[in-house]
């Protein structure tokens, strides 16, 4: 689900302060929402009245998608690009995409550029 960033990552100075702990991507209601990477569905349900899907990835990063009417269940394995639900109307327009490692929020856009380092043998 490609989309322009309509609200950027703006983490708070302290964990308890207000901020924007993810990015909002422009997309029409009803759009298919796809997993950003391989993983296992950690949560699919309502959070404070908002339909939410979270996926735990092998590198310990958990990505979260809101407001998404889920089509997956906790424990389902997903691959990058698999449809995990459809975008619903929310408080803000578009898809909110967040990322978390442990208790630390990350800019999910940075995940798009992560590539494994591959060492070549010395010849």
C-alpha atoms as a PDB file:
ATOM      1  CA  UNK A   1       0.000   0.000   0.000  1.00  0.00           C
ATOM      2  CA  UNK A   2       2.202   2.867  -1.167  1.00  0.00           C
ATOM      3  CA  UNK A   3       1.281   6.331  -0.014  1.00  0.00           C
ATOM      4  CA  UNK A   4       2.716   9.747   0.636  1.00  0.00           C
ATOM      5  CA  UNK A   5       3.674  10.563   4.208  1.00  0.00           C
ATOM      6  CA  UNK A   6       1.022  12.932   5.551  1.00  0.00           C
ATOM      7  CA  UNK A   7       2.367  13.025   9.112  1.00  0.00           C
ATOM      8  CA  UNK A   8       6.002  12.334   9.954  1.00  0.00           C
ATOM      9  CA  UNK A   9       7.603  10.527  12.880  1.00  0.00           C
ATOM     10  CA  UNK A  10       7.980  12.992  15.757  1.00  0.00           C
ATOM     11  CA  UNK A  11       9.102  11.157  18.901  1.00  0.00           C
ATOM     12  CA  UNK A  12       8.727  12.844  22.279  1.00  0.00           C
ATOM     13  CA  UNK A  13      11.777  13.888  24.295  1.00  0.00           C
ATOM     14  CA  UNK A  14      10.572  11.629  27.123  1.00  0.00           C
ATOM     15  CA  UNK A  15       8.579   8.405  26.819  1.00  0.00           C
ATOM     16  CA  UNK A  16       5.557   9.846  28.670  1.00  0.00           C
ATOM     17  CA  UNK A  17       5.308  13.088  26.668  1.00  0.00           C
ATOM     18  CA  UNK A  18       3.064  13.567  23.619  1.00  0.00           C
ATOM     19  CA  UNK A  19       4.491  12.948  20.176  1.00  0.00           C
ATOM     20  CA  UNK A  20       3.866  11.012  16.992  1.00  0.00           C
ATOM     21  CA  UNK A  21       5.323   7.525  17.373  1.00  0.00           C
ATOM     22  CA  UNK A  22       5.077   6.450  13.751  1.00  0.00           C
ATOM     23  CA  UNK A  23       4.117   7.823  10.355  1.00  0.00           C
ATOM     24  CA  UNK A  24       0.760   8.376   8.689  1.00  0.00           C
ATOM     25  CA  UNK A  25       0.546   7.333   5.038  1.00  0.00           C
ATOM     26  CA  UNK A  26      -2.086   8.623   2.612  1.00  0.00           C
ATOM     27  CA  UNK A  27      -4.446   5.910   1.396  1.00  0.00           C
ATOM     28  CA  UNK A  28      -8.148   5.594   0.642  1.00  0.00           C
ATOM     29  CA  UNK A  29     -10.471   3.805   3.056  1.00  0.00           C
ATOM     30  CA  UNK A  30     -10.846   0.174   2.021  1.00  0.00           C
ATOM     31  CA  UNK A  31      -7.257  -0.147   0.775  1.00  0.00           C
ATOM     32  CA  UNK A  32      -5.514  -3.453   1.398  1.00  0.00           C
ATOM     33  CA  UNK A  33      -2.899  -3.130   4.151  1.00  0.00           C
ATOM     34  CA  UNK A  34       0.155  -5.347   3.731  1.00  0.00           C
ATOM     35  CA  UNK A  35       2.794  -6.573   6.174  1.00  0.00           C
ATOM     36  CA  UNK A  36       6.015  -4.590   5.875  1.00  0.00           C
ATOM     37  CA  UNK A  37       8.088  -7.715   6.519  1.00  0.00           C
ATOM     38  CA  UNK A  38       7.986 -11.405   7.408  1.00  0.00           C
ATOM     39  CA  UNK A  39       6.769 -12.157  10.917  1.00  0.00           C
ATOM     40  CA  UNK A  40       4.080 -13.493  13.214  1.00  0.00           C
ATOM     41  CA  UNK A  41       0.874 -11.640  14.041  1.00  0.00           C
ATOM     42  CA  UNK A  42       1.359 -10.446  17.627  1.00  0.00           C
ATOM     43  CA  UNK A  43      -2.056  -8.790  17.988  1.00  0.00           C
ATOM     44  CA  UNK A  44      -5.199  -8.284  15.923  1.00  0.00           C
ATOM     45  CA  UNK A  45      -8.011  -6.479  17.687  1.00  0.00           C
ATOM     46  CA  UNK A  46      -9.172  -3.216  19.180  1.00  0.00           C
ATOM     47  CA  UNK A  47      -6.904  -0.780  21.046  1.00  0.00           C
ATOM     48  CA  UNK A  48      -8.771   2.125  22.650  1.00  0.00           C
ATOM     49  CA  UNK A  49     -11.541   1.742  20.065  1.00  0.00           C
ATOM     50  CA  UNK A  50      -9.150   1.571  17.101  1.00  0.00           C
ATOM     51  CA  UNK A  51      -8.804  -1.595  14.980  1.00  0.00           C
ATOM     52  CA  UNK A  52      -5.138  -2.583  15.142  1.00  0.00           C
ATOM     53  CA  UNK A  53      -2.765  -5.218  13.771  1.00  0.00           C
ATOM     54  CA  UNK A  54       0.752  -5.762  15.157  1.00  0.00           C
ATOM     55  CA  UNK A  55       3.370  -8.041  13.602  1.00  0.00           C
ATOM     56  CA  UNK A  56       6.475  -9.291  15.448  1.00  0.00           C
ATOM     57  CA  UNK A  57       9.480  -9.698  13.175  1.00  0.00           C
ATOM     58  CA  UNK A  58      12.493 -11.995  13.676  1.00  0.00           C
ATOM     59  CA  UNK A  59      14.794  -9.034  14.392  1.00  0.00           C
ATOM     60  CA  UNK A  60      12.714  -8.131  17.466  1.00  0.00           C
ATOM     61  CA  UNK A  61      10.944  -5.203  15.840  1.00  0.00           C
ATOM     62  CA  UNK A  62       7.163  -5.040  16.183  1.00  0.00           C
ATOM     63  CA  UNK A  63       5.262  -3.082  13.542  1.00  0.00           C
ATOM     64  CA  UNK A  64       1.760  -1.766  14.156  1.00  0.00           C
ATOM     65  CA  UNK A  65      -0.911  -0.722  11.664  1.00  0.00           C
ATOM     66  CA  UNK A  66      -4.015   1.389  12.501  1.00  0.00           C
ATOM     67  CA  UNK A  67      -6.950   1.719  11.815  1.00  0.00           C
ATOM     68  CA  UNK A  68      -6.961  -1.675  10.136  1.00  0.00           C
ATOM     69  CA  UNK A  69      -9.839  -4.149  10.102  1.00  0.00           C
ATOM     70  CA  UNK A  70      -7.806  -7.300  10.502  1.00  0.00           C
ATOM     71  CA  UNK A  71      -8.016 -10.363   8.268  1.00  0.00           C
ATOM     72  CA  UNK A  72      -5.403 -12.250  10.318  1.00  0.00           C
ATOM     73  CA  UNK A  73      -5.325 -13.737  13.810  1.00  0.00           C
ATOM     74  CA  UNK A  74      -2.719 -13.780  16.577  1.00  0.00           C
ATOM     75  CA  UNK A  75      -0.123 -16.419  15.762  1.00  0.00           C
ATOM     76  CA  UNK A  76      -0.584 -16.317  11.978  1.00  0.00           C
ATOM     77  CA  UNK A  77       2.668 -16.240  10.025  1.00  0.00           C
ATOM     78  CA  UNK A  78       2.838 -13.499   7.420  1.00  0.00           C
ATOM     79  CA  UNK A  79       5.301 -12.691   4.676  1.00  0.00           C
ATOM     80  CA  UNK A  80       6.296  -9.276   3.456  1.00  0.00           C
ATOM     81  CA  UNK A  81       3.480  -8.042   1.210  1.00  0.00           C
ATOM     82  CA  UNK A  82       0.764 -10.325   2.613  1.00  0.00           C
ATOM     83  CA  UNK A  83      -2.571  -8.597   3.141  1.00  0.00           C
ATOM     84  CA  UNK A  84      -3.229  -8.297   6.889  1.00  0.00           C
ATOM     85  CA  UNK A  85      -6.424  -6.239   6.682  1.00  0.00           C
ATOM     86  CA  UNK A  86      -8.179  -3.258   5.154  1.00  0.00           C
ATOM     87  CA  UNK A  87      -7.886   0.414   6.019  1.00  0.00           C
ATOM     88  CA  UNK A  88     -10.841   1.863   7.911  1.00  0.00           C
ATOM     89  CA  UNK A  89     -11.818   5.442   8.665  1.00  0.00           C
ATOM     90  CA  UNK A  90      -9.935   6.780  11.651  1.00  0.00           C
ATOM     91  CA  UNK A  91      -9.285   9.890  13.681  1.00  0.00           C
ATOM     92  CA  UNK A  92      -6.635  10.970  11.150  1.00  0.00           C
ATOM     93  CA  UNK A  93      -6.710  10.250   7.411  1.00  0.00           C
ATOM     94  CA  UNK A  94      -4.713   7.303   6.088  1.00  0.00           C
ATOM     95  CA  UNK A  95      -2.722   4.495   7.675  1.00  0.00           C
ATOM     96  CA  UNK A  96      -0.742   4.925  10.895  1.00  0.00           C
ATOM     97  CA  UNK A  97       2.365   2.702  10.755  1.00  0.00           C
ATOM     98  CA  UNK A  98       4.506   2.366  13.858  1.00  0.00           C
ATOM     99  CA  UNK A  99       7.585   0.370  14.854  1.00  0.00           C
ATOM    100  CA  UNK A 100       8.894  -0.630  18.255  1.00  0.00           C
ATOM    101  CA  UNK A 101      12.000  -2.483  19.469  1.00  0.00           C
ATOM    102  CA  UNK A 102      11.482  -3.402  23.102  1.00  0.00           C
ATOM    103  CA  UNK A 103      10.173  -0.182  24.675  1.00  0.00           C
ATOM    104  CA  UNK A 104      11.830   2.093  22.120  1.00  0.00           C
ATOM    105  CA  UNK A 105       9.861   3.551  19.232  1.00  0.00           C
ATOM    106  CA  UNK A 106      11.549   3.677  15.824  1.00  0.00           C
ATOM    107  CA  UNK A 107      10.869   5.600  12.657  1.00  0.00           C
ATOM    108  CA  UNK A 108       9.285   2.882  10.503  1.00  0.00           C
ATOM    109  CA  UNK A 109      10.529   4.580   7.329  1.00  0.00           C
ATOM    110  CA  UNK A 110      14.076   3.741   8.446  1.00  0.00           C
ATOM    111  CA  UNK A 111      13.132   0.055   8.214  1.00  0.00           C
ATOM    112  CA  UNK A 112      12.656   0.402   4.475  1.00  0.00           C
ATOM    113  CA  UNK A 113      16.364   1.006   4.048  1.00  0.00           C
ATOM    114  CA  UNK A 114      17.683  -1.763   6.333  1.00  0.00           C
ATOM    115  CA  UNK A 115      19.600  -4.342   4.375  1.00  0.00           C
ATOM    116  CA  UNK A 116      21.690  -7.180   5.782  1.00  0.00           C
ATOM    117  CA  UNK A 117      25.437  -6.785   5.458  1.00  0.00           C
ATOM    118  CA  UNK A 118      26.935  -9.593   3.400  1.00  0.00           C
ATOM    119  CA  UNK A 119      30.662 -10.182   3.676  1.00  0.00           C
ATOM    120  CA  UNK A 120      32.472 -11.617   0.690  1.00  0.00           C
ATOM    121  CA  UNK A 121      35.359 -14.044   1.163  1.00  0.00           C
ATOM    122  CA  UNK A 122      38.881 -12.746   0.679  1.00  0.00           C
ATOM    123  CA  UNK A 123      40.239 -14.052  -2.596  1.00  0.00           C
END
